[in-house]
Amino acid sequence: MIMPDFDEKVLQCFLENQLKLYPEPVAQTPEEAKNYLEECMALVVNSKEEVWEYFDEEGIDMENMDADGIVEADEVFAVGDGRYLIVEG
């Protein structure tokens, strides 16, 4: 489930969408993005179901969320190829 490497597609997704989670950019380059994601122990999962499992295991409040809505959470970034980046702000 957990993929430790942040590939180019994941880093680009984070750079383009980081303002969804933060009031101002935390990274400007792919290298900065990778360092930041490693520092905050972000992870990449392969499906909506794995996003749900992660939230459940971490005890994150999922009340009023369904499997589709959970990927709209601020911490979840759709990479675009079926994977999701989860970043705890």
PDB file of N, CA and C in Angstrom:
ATOM      1  N   MET A   1       0.830  -1.195   0.000  1.00  0.00           N
ATOM      2  CA  MET A   1       0.000   0.000   0.000  1.00  0.00           C
ATOM      3  C   MET A   1       0.872   1.256   0.000  1.00  0.00           C
ATOM      4  N   ILE A   2       1.828   1.364   0.893  1.00  0.00           N
ATOM      5  CA  ILE A   2       2.627   2.577   1.009  1.00  0.00           C
ATOM      6  C   ILE A   2       3.813   2.511   0.061  1.00  0.00           C
ATOM      7  N   MET A   3       3.974   3.558  -0.734  1.00  0.00           N
ATOM      8  CA  MET A   3       5.080   3.641  -1.668  1.00  0.00           C
ATOM      9  C   MET A   3       6.015   4.748  -1.194  1.00  0.00           C
ATOM     10  N   PRO A   4       7.239   4.406  -0.814  1.00  0.00           N
ATOM     11  CA  PRO A   4       8.129   5.407  -0.231  1.00  0.00           C
ATOM     12  C   PRO A   4       8.686   6.430  -1.218  1.00  0.00           C
ATOM     13  N   ASP A   5       8.733   6.111  -2.496  1.00  0.00           N
ATOM     14  CA  ASP A   5       9.323   7.022  -3.466  1.00  0.00           C
ATOM     15  C   ASP A   5       8.295   7.993  -4.023  1.00  0.00           C
ATOM     16  N   PHE A   6       8.688   9.246  -4.112  1.00  0.00           N
ATOM     17  CA  PHE A   6       7.836  10.264  -4.706  1.00  0.00           C
ATOM     18  C   PHE A   6       8.356  10.514  -6.108  1.00  0.00           C
ATOM     19  N   ASP A   7       7.671   9.966  -7.109  1.00  0.00           N
ATOM     20  CA  ASP A   7       8.127  10.121  -8.481  1.00  0.00           C
ATOM     21  C   ASP A   7       7.745  11.500  -9.027  1.00  0.00           C
ATOM     22  N   GLU A   8       8.177  11.759 -10.243  1.00  0.00           N
ATOM     23  CA  GLU A   8       7.969  13.075 -10.861  1.00  0.00           C
ATOM     24  C   GLU A   8       6.497  13.467 -10.904  1.00  0.00           C
ATOM     25  N   LYS A   9       5.629  12.511 -11.214  1.00  0.00           N
ATOM     26  CA  LYS A   9       4.200  12.800 -11.311  1.00  0.00           C
ATOM     27  C   LYS A   9       3.618  13.216  -9.946  1.00  0.00           C
ATOM     28  N   VAL A  10       4.046  12.537  -8.891  1.00  0.00           N
ATOM     29  CA  VAL A  10       3.575  12.856  -7.541  1.00  0.00           C
ATOM     30  C   VAL A  10       4.071  14.241  -7.123  1.00  0.00           C
ATOM     31  N   LEU A  11       5.339  14.506  -7.382  1.00  0.00           N
ATOM     32  CA  LEU A  11       5.907  15.808  -7.002  1.00  0.00           C
ATOM     33  C   LEU A  11       5.221  16.945  -7.746  1.00  0.00           C
ATOM     34  N   GLN A  12       4.960  16.748  -9.035  1.00  0.00           N
ATOM     35  CA  GLN A  12       4.288  17.783  -9.819  1.00  0.00           C
ATOM     36  C   GLN A  12       2.870  18.014  -9.304  1.00  0.00           C
ATOM     37  N   CYS A  13       2.181  16.943  -8.966  1.00  0.00           N
ATOM     38  CA  CYS A  13       0.828  17.051  -8.405  1.00  0.00           C
ATOM     39  C   CYS A  13       0.849  17.894  -7.134  1.00  0.00           C
ATOM     40  N   PHE A  14       1.822  17.624  -6.258  1.00  0.00           N
ATOM     41  CA  PHE A  14       1.903  18.379  -5.017  1.00  0.00           C
ATOM     42  C   PHE A  14       2.207  19.851  -5.285  1.00  0.00           C
ATOM     43  N   LEU A  15       3.175  20.108  -6.154  1.00  0.00           N
ATOM     44  CA  LEU A  15       3.538  21.498  -6.459  1.00  0.00           C
ATOM     45  C   LEU A  15       2.353  22.277  -7.015  1.00  0.00           C
ATOM     46  N   GLU A  16       1.571  21.651  -7.869  1.00  0.00           N
ATOM     47  CA  GLU A  16       0.435  22.328  -8.505  1.00  0.00           C
ATOM     48  C   GLU A  16      -0.749  22.520  -7.562  1.00  0.00           C
ATOM     49  N   ASN A  17      -0.855  21.669  -6.532  1.00  0.00           N
ATOM     50  CA  ASN A  17      -2.062  21.673  -5.700  1.00  0.00           C
ATOM     51  C   ASN A  17      -1.822  21.975  -4.227  1.00  0.00           C
ATOM     52  N   GLN A  18      -0.609  22.339  -3.844  1.00  0.00           N
ATOM     53  CA  GLN A  18      -0.295  22.521  -2.428  1.00  0.00           C
ATOM     54  C   GLN A  18      -1.132  23.608  -1.749  1.00  0.00           C
ATOM     55  N   LEU A  19      -1.622  24.573  -2.507  1.00  0.00           N
ATOM     56  CA  LEU A  19      -2.433  25.638  -1.906  1.00  0.00           C
ATOM     57  C   LEU A  19      -3.808  25.141  -1.463  1.00  0.00           C
ATOM     58  N   LYS A  20      -4.163  23.928  -1.854  1.00  0.00           N
ATOM     59  CA  LYS A  20      -5.389  23.293  -1.370  1.00  0.00           C
ATOM     60  C   LYS A  20      -5.268  23.041   0.140  1.00  0.00           C
ATOM     61  N   LEU A  21      -4.039  22.809   0.595  1.00  0.00           N
ATOM     62  CA  LEU A  21      -3.801  22.454   1.995  1.00  0.00           C
ATOM     63  C   LEU A  21      -3.151  23.570   2.796  1.00  0.00           C
ATOM     64  N   TYR A  22      -2.346  24.379   2.136  1.00  0.00           N
ATOM     65  CA  TYR A  22      -1.575  25.411   2.831  1.00  0.00           C
ATOM     66  C   TYR A  22      -1.934  26.803   2.307  1.00  0.00           C
ATOM     67  N   PRO A  23      -1.840  27.831   3.178  1.00  0.00           N
ATOM     68  CA  PRO A  23      -2.181  29.194   2.750  1.00  0.00           C
ATOM     69  C   PRO A  23      -1.152  29.797   1.799  1.00  0.00           C
ATOM     70  N   GLU A  24       0.072  29.267   1.817  1.00  0.00           N
ATOM     71  CA  GLU A  24       1.099  29.735   0.892  1.00  0.00           C
ATOM     72  C   GLU A  24       1.987  28.544   0.534  1.00  0.00           C
ATOM     73  N   PRO A  25       2.686  28.613  -0.594  1.00  0.00           N
ATOM     74  CA  PRO A  25       3.499  27.464  -1.027  1.00  0.00           C
ATOM     75  C   PRO A  25       4.558  27.075  -0.003  1.00  0.00           C
ATOM     76  N   VAL A  26       4.730  25.764   0.164  1.00  0.00           N
ATOM     77  CA  VAL A  26       5.782  25.247   1.043  1.00  0.00           C
ATOM     78  C   VAL A  26       6.964  24.727   0.221  1.00  0.00           C
ATOM     79  N   ALA A  27       6.772  24.634  -1.094  1.00  0.00           N
ATOM     80  CA  ALA A  27       7.833  24.156  -1.986  1.00  0.00           C
ATOM     81  C   ALA A  27       7.696  24.832  -3.342  1.00  0.00           C
ATOM     82  N   GLN A  28       8.845  25.129  -3.951  1.00  0.00           N
ATOM     83  CA  GLN A  28       8.855  25.767  -5.267  1.00  0.00           C
ATOM     84  C   GLN A  28       9.385  24.843  -6.364  1.00  0.00           C
ATOM     85  N   THR A  29      10.208  23.875  -5.998  1.00  0.00           N
ATOM     86  CA  THR A  29      10.845  22.987  -6.969  1.00  0.00           C
ATOM     87  C   THR A  29      10.520  21.538  -6.615  1.00  0.00           C
ATOM     88  N   PRO A  30      10.689  20.619  -7.563  1.00  0.00           N
ATOM     89  CA  PRO A  30      10.478  19.205  -7.246  1.00  0.00           C
ATOM     90  C   PRO A  30      11.358  18.722  -6.088  1.00  0.00           C
ATOM     91  N   GLU A  31      12.593  19.199  -6.025  1.00  0.00           N
ATOM     92  CA  GLU A  31      13.483  18.786  -4.933  1.00  0.00           C
ATOM     93  C   GLU A  31      12.949  19.267  -3.585  1.00  0.00           C
ATOM     94  N   GLU A  32      12.489  20.521  -3.521  1.00  0.00           N
ATOM     95  CA  GLU A  32      11.903  21.034  -2.286  1.00  0.00           C
ATOM     96  C   GLU A  32      10.643  20.257  -1.921  1.00  0.00           C
ATOM     97  N   ALA A  33       9.841  19.936  -2.928  1.00  0.00           N
ATOM     98  CA  ALA A  33       8.615  19.170  -2.683  1.00  0.00           C
ATOM     99  C   ALA A  33       8.949  17.795  -2.113  1.00  0.00           C
ATOM    100  N   LYS A  34       9.938  17.135  -2.702  1.00  0.00           N
ATOM    101  CA  LYS A  34      10.326  15.806  -2.218  1.00  0.00           C
ATOM    102  C   LYS A  34      10.808  15.890  -0.771  1.00  0.00           C
ATOM    103  N   ASN A  35      11.658  16.859  -0.480  1.00  0.00           N
ATOM    104  CA  ASN A  35      12.156  17.022   0.885  1.00  0.00           C
ATOM    105  C   ASN A  35      11.016  17.275   1.863  1.00  0.00           C
ATOM    106  N   TYR A  36      10.088  18.124   1.470  1.00  0.00           N
ATOM    107  CA  TYR A  36       8.967  18.443   2.345  1.00  0.00           C
ATOM    108  C   TYR A  36       8.100  17.205   2.584  1.00  0.00           C
ATOM    109  N   LEU A  37       7.780  16.486   1.511  1.00  0.00           N
ATOM    110  CA  LEU A  37       6.923  15.308   1.640  1.00  0.00           C
ATOM    111  C   LEU A  37       7.586  14.233   2.494  1.00  0.00           C
ATOM    112  N   GLU A  38       8.885  14.071   2.350  1.00  0.00           N
ATOM    113  CA  GLU A  38       9.602  13.107   3.186  1.00  0.00           C
ATOM    114  C   GLU A  38       9.586  13.539   4.652  1.00  0.00           C
ATOM    115  N   GLU A  39       9.782  14.835   4.865  1.00  0.00           N
ATOM    116  CA  GLU A  39       9.815  15.370   6.229  1.00  0.00           C
ATOM    117  C   GLU A  39       8.488  15.182   6.947  1.00  0.00           C
ATOM    118  N   CYS A  40       7.388  15.401   6.250  1.00  0.00           N
ATOM    119  CA  CYS A  40       6.083  15.280   6.910  1.00  0.00           C
ATOM    120  C   CYS A  40       5.495  13.873   6.764  1.00  0.00           C
ATOM    121  N   MET A  41       6.313  12.947   6.276  1.00  0.00           N
ATOM    122  CA  MET A  41       5.927  11.541   6.150  1.00  0.00           C
ATOM    123  C   MET A  41       4.647  11.340   5.341  1.00  0.00           C
ATOM    124  N   ALA A  42       4.576  12.041   4.227  1.00  0.00           N
ATOM    125  CA  ALA A  42       3.456  11.862   3.312  1.00  0.00           C
ATOM    126  C   ALA A  42       3.554  10.462   2.699  1.00  0.00           C
ATOM    127  N   LEU A  43       2.477  10.005   2.110  1.00  0.00           N
ATOM    128  CA  LEU A  43       2.510   8.703   1.459  1.00  0.00           C
ATOM    129  C   LEU A  43       1.653   8.695   0.218  1.00  0.00           C
ATOM    130  N   VAL A  44       1.931   7.716  -0.626  1.00  0.00           N
ATOM    131  CA  VAL A  44       1.186   7.532  -1.859  1.00  0.00           C
ATOM    132  C   VAL A  44       0.473   6.190  -1.764  1.00  0.00           C
ATOM    133  N   VAL A  45      -0.828   6.206  -2.056  1.00  0.00           N
ATOM    134  CA  VAL A  45      -1.602   4.966  -2.063  1.00  0.00           C
ATOM    135  C   VAL A  45      -2.175   4.760  -3.458  1.00  0.00           C
ATOM    136  N   ASN A  46      -2.631   3.541  -3.730  1.00  0.00           N
ATOM    137  CA  ASN A  46      -3.012   3.157  -5.081  1.00  0.00           C
ATOM    138  C   ASN A  46      -4.496   3.249  -5.414  1.00  0.00           C
ATOM    139  N   SER A  47      -5.340   3.614  -4.443  1.00  0.00           N
ATOM    140  CA  SER A  47      -6.780   3.640  -4.722  1.00  0.00           C
ATOM    141  C   SER A  47      -7.531   4.440  -3.665  1.00  0.00           C
ATOM    142  N   LYS A  48      -8.789   4.744  -3.968  1.00  0.00           N
ATOM    143  CA  LYS A  48      -9.664   5.418  -3.000  1.00  0.00           C
ATOM    144  C   LYS A  48      -9.827   4.544  -1.758  1.00  0.00           C
ATOM    145  N   GLU A  49      -9.896   3.246  -1.977  1.00  0.00           N
ATOM    146  CA  GLU A  49     -10.061   2.323  -0.857  1.00  0.00           C
ATOM    147  C   GLU A  49      -8.879   2.418   0.102  1.00  0.00           C
ATOM    148  N   GLU A  50      -7.680   2.561  -0.441  1.00  0.00           N
ATOM    149  CA  GLU A  50      -6.508   2.677   0.415  1.00  0.00           C
ATOM    150  C   GLU A  50      -6.469   4.016   1.147  1.00  0.00           C
ATOM    151  N   VAL A  51      -7.023   5.068   0.534  1.00  0.00           N
ATOM    152  CA  VAL A  51      -7.167   6.348   1.242  1.00  0.00           C
ATOM    153  C   VAL A  51      -8.085   6.125   2.439  1.00  0.00           C
ATOM    154  N   TRP A  52      -9.208   5.451   2.205  1.00  0.00           N
ATOM    155  CA  TRP A  52     -10.180   5.170   3.267  1.00  0.00           C
ATOM    156  C   TRP A  52      -9.512   4.365   4.384  1.00  0.00           C
ATOM    157  N   GLU A  53      -8.766   3.313   4.028  1.00  0.00           N
ATOM    158  CA  GLU A  53      -8.090   2.480   5.021  1.00  0.00           C
ATOM    159  C   GLU A  53      -7.109   3.310   5.846  1.00  0.00           C
ATOM    160  N   TYR A  54      -6.368   4.188   5.194  1.00  0.00           N
ATOM    161  CA  TYR A  54      -5.398   5.026   5.899  1.00  0.00           C
ATOM    162  C   TYR A  54      -6.110   5.928   6.913  1.00  0.00           C
ATOM    163  N   PHE A  55      -7.162   6.613   6.474  1.00  0.00           N
ATOM    164  CA  PHE A  55      -7.902   7.506   7.372  1.00  0.00           C
ATOM    165  C   PHE A  55      -8.454   6.713   8.554  1.00  0.00           C
ATOM    166  N   ASP A  56      -8.973   5.522   8.290  1.00  0.00           N
ATOM    167  CA  ASP A  56      -9.535   4.682   9.339  1.00  0.00           C
ATOM    168  C   ASP A  56      -8.448   4.256  10.333  1.00  0.00           C
ATOM    169  N   GLU A  57      -7.302   3.796   9.824  1.00  0.00           N
ATOM    170  CA  GLU A  57      -6.204   3.350  10.682  1.00  0.00           C
ATOM    171  C   GLU A  57      -5.646   4.496  11.531  1.00  0.00           C
ATOM    172  N   GLU A  58      -5.634   5.709  10.982  1.00  0.00           N
ATOM    173  CA  GLU A  58      -5.091   6.861  11.696  1.00  0.00           C
ATOM    174  C   GLU A  58      -6.104   7.507  12.631  1.00  0.00           C
ATOM    175  N   GLY A  59      -7.348   7.021  12.607  1.00  0.00           N
ATOM    176  CA  GLY A  59      -8.374   7.569  13.479  1.00  0.00           C
ATOM    177  C   GLY A  59      -8.862   8.940  13.049  1.00  0.00           C
ATOM    178  N   ILE A  60      -8.729   9.251  11.771  1.00  0.00           N
ATOM    179  CA  ILE A  60      -9.173  10.539  11.239  1.00  0.00           C
ATOM    180  C   ILE A  60     -10.690  10.507  11.094  1.00  0.00           C
ATOM    181  N   ASP A  61     -11.353  11.565  11.533  1.00  0.00           N
ATOM    182  CA  ASP A  61     -12.815  11.646  11.498  1.00  0.00           C
ATOM    183  C   ASP A  61     -13.323  11.561  10.066  1.00  0.00           C
ATOM    184  N   MET A  62     -14.103  10.530   9.794  1.00  0.00           N
ATOM    185  CA  MET A  62     -14.649  10.328   8.446  1.00  0.00           C
ATOM    186  C   MET A  62     -16.172  10.436   8.441  1.00  0.00           C
ATOM    187  N   GLU A  63     -16.728  10.987   9.522  1.00  0.00           N
ATOM    188  CA  GLU A  63     -18.171  11.145   9.607  1.00  0.00           C
ATOM    189  C   GLU A  63     -18.649  12.012   8.449  1.00  0.00           C
ATOM    190  N   ASN A  64     -19.751  11.625   7.855  1.00  0.00           N
ATOM    191  CA  ASN A  64     -20.350  12.317   6.716  1.00  0.00           C
ATOM    192  C   ASN A  64     -19.501  12.227   5.445  1.00  0.00           C
ATOM    193  N   MET A  65     -18.564  11.297   5.389  1.00  0.00           N
ATOM    194  CA  MET A  65     -17.779  11.084   4.171  1.00  0.00           C
ATOM    195  C   MET A  65     -18.125   9.722   3.597  1.00  0.00           C
ATOM    196  N   ASP A  66     -18.038   9.638   2.270  1.00  0.00           N
ATOM    197  CA  ASP A  66     -18.170   8.339   1.625  1.00  0.00           C
ATOM    198  C   ASP A  66     -16.881   8.079   0.855  1.00  0.00           C
ATOM    199  N   ALA A  67     -16.798   6.939   0.189  1.00  0.00           N
ATOM    200  CA  ALA A  67     -15.557   6.557  -0.494  1.00  0.00           C
ATOM    201  C   ALA A  67     -15.150   7.570  -1.559  1.00  0.00           C
ATOM    202  N   ASP A  68     -16.115   8.202  -2.208  1.00  0.00           N
ATOM    203  CA  ASP A  68     -15.770   9.204  -3.218  1.00  0.00           C
ATOM    204  C   ASP A  68     -15.418  10.537  -2.577  1.00  0.00           C
ATOM    205  N   GLY A  69     -16.132  10.910  -1.538  1.00  0.00           N
ATOM    206  CA  GLY A  69     -15.907  12.189  -0.886  1.00  0.00           C
ATOM    207  C   GLY A  69     -14.599  12.266  -0.120  1.00  0.00           C
ATOM    208  N   ILE A  70     -14.104  11.121   0.321  1.00  0.00           N
ATOM    209  CA  ILE A  70     -12.878  11.127   1.123  1.00  0.00           C
ATOM    210  C   ILE A  70     -11.684  11.634   0.324  1.00  0.00           C
ATOM    211  N   VAL A  71     -11.704  11.429  -0.979  1.00  0.00           N
ATOM    212  CA  VAL A  71     -10.576  11.894  -1.800  1.00  0.00           C
ATOM    213  C   VAL A  71     -10.651  13.397  -2.054  1.00  0.00           C
ATOM    214  N   GLU A  72     -11.714  14.041  -1.586  1.00  0.00           N
ATOM    215  CA  GLU A  72     -11.836  15.494  -1.682  1.00  0.00           C
ATOM    216  C   GLU A  72     -11.286  16.180  -0.440  1.00  0.00           C
ATOM    217  N   ALA A  73     -10.875  15.401   0.564  1.00  0.00           N
ATOM    218  CA  ALA A  73     -10.304  15.979   1.787  1.00  0.00           C
ATOM    219  C   ALA A  73      -9.073  16.798   1.431  1.00  0.00           C
ATOM    220  N   ASP A  74      -8.829  17.855   2.188  1.00  0.00           N
ATOM    221  CA  ASP A  74      -7.700  18.750   1.913  1.00  0.00           C
ATOM    222  C   ASP A  74      -6.370  18.010   1.871  1.00  0.00           C
ATOM    223  N   GLU A  75      -6.225  16.958   2.672  1.00  0.00           N
ATOM    224  CA  GLU A  75      -4.959  16.229   2.770  1.00  0.00           C
ATOM    225  C   GLU A  75      -4.711  15.283   1.614  1.00  0.00           C
ATOM    226  N   VAL A  76      -5.710  15.085   0.764  1.00  0.00           N
ATOM    227  CA  VAL A  76      -5.622  14.082  -0.297  1.00  0.00           C
ATOM    228  C   VAL A  76      -5.497  14.760  -1.657  1.00  0.00           C
ATOM    229  N   PHE A  77      -4.489  14.335  -2.412  1.00  0.00           N
ATOM    230  CA  PHE A  77      -4.226  14.886  -3.734  1.00  0.00           C
ATOM    231  C   PHE A  77      -4.308  13.760  -4.754  1.00  0.00           C
ATOM    232  N   ALA A  78      -5.193  13.898  -5.749  1.00  0.00           N
ATOM    233  CA  ALA A  78      -5.281  12.903  -6.821  1.00  0.00           C
ATOM    234  C   ALA A  78      -4.111  13.109  -7.769  1.00  0.00           C
ATOM    235  N   VAL A  79      -3.273  12.092  -7.909  1.00  0.00           N
ATOM    236  CA  VAL A  79      -2.085  12.191  -8.757  1.00  0.00           C
ATOM    237  C   VAL A  79      -2.484  12.218 -10.229  1.00  0.00           C
ATOM    238  N   GLY A  80      -3.599  11.561 -10.566  1.00  0.00           N
ATOM    239  CA  GLY A  80      -4.069  11.578 -11.948  1.00  0.00           C
ATOM    240  C   GLY A  80      -3.952  10.246 -12.645  1.00  0.00           C
ATOM    241  N   ASP A  81      -3.318   9.295 -11.993  1.00  0.00           N
ATOM    242  CA  ASP A  81      -3.164   7.962 -12.601  1.00  0.00           C
ATOM    243  C   ASP A  81      -3.760   6.874 -11.716  1.00  0.00           C
ATOM    244  N   GLY A  82      -4.710   7.267 -10.864  1.00  0.00           N
ATOM    245  CA  GLY A  82      -5.345   6.327  -9.969  1.00  0.00           C
ATOM    246  C   GLY A  82      -4.741   6.322  -8.576  1.00  0.00           C
ATOM    247  N   ARG A  83      -3.578   6.941  -8.430  1.00  0.00           N
ATOM    248  CA  ARG A  83      -2.929   7.024  -7.127  1.00  0.00           C
ATOM    249  C   ARG A  83      -3.322   8.308  -6.415  1.00  0.00           C
ATOM    250  N   TYR A  84      -3.122   8.297  -5.107  1.00  0.00           N
ATOM    251  CA  TYR A  84      -3.434   9.464  -4.286  1.00  0.00           C
ATOM    252  C   TYR A  84      -2.264   9.744  -3.348  1.00  0.00           C
ATOM    253  N   LEU A  85      -1.915  11.018  -3.226  1.00  0.00           N
ATOM    254  CA  LEU A  85      -0.908  11.475  -2.295  1.00  0.00           C
ATOM    255  C   LEU A  85      -1.641  11.963  -1.046  1.00  0.00           C
ATOM    256  N   ILE A  86      -1.222  11.470   0.128  1.00  0.00           N
ATOM    257  CA  ILE A  86      -1.821  11.906   1.385  1.00  0.00           C
ATOM    258  C   ILE A  86      -0.767  12.682   2.164  1.00  0.00           C
ATOM    259  N   VAL A  87      -1.084  13.937   2.463  1.00  0.00           N
ATOM    260  CA  VAL A  87      -0.158  14.823   3.172  1.00  0.00           C
ATOM    261  C   VAL A  87      -0.861  15.346   4.411  1.00  0.00           C
ATOM    262  N   GLU A  88      -0.311  15.055   5.570  1.00  0.00           N
ATOM    263  CA  GLU A  88      -0.910  15.586   6.777  1.00  0.00           C
ATOM    264  C   GLU A  88      -0.337  16.962   7.048  1.00  0.00           C
ATOM    265  N   GLY A  89      -1.190  17.979   7.001  1.00  0.00           N
ATOM    266  CA  GLY A  89      -0.759  19.359   7.180  1.00  0.00           C
ATOM    267  C   GLY A  89      -0.521  19.626   8.611  1.00  0.00           C
TER     268      GLY A  89
END
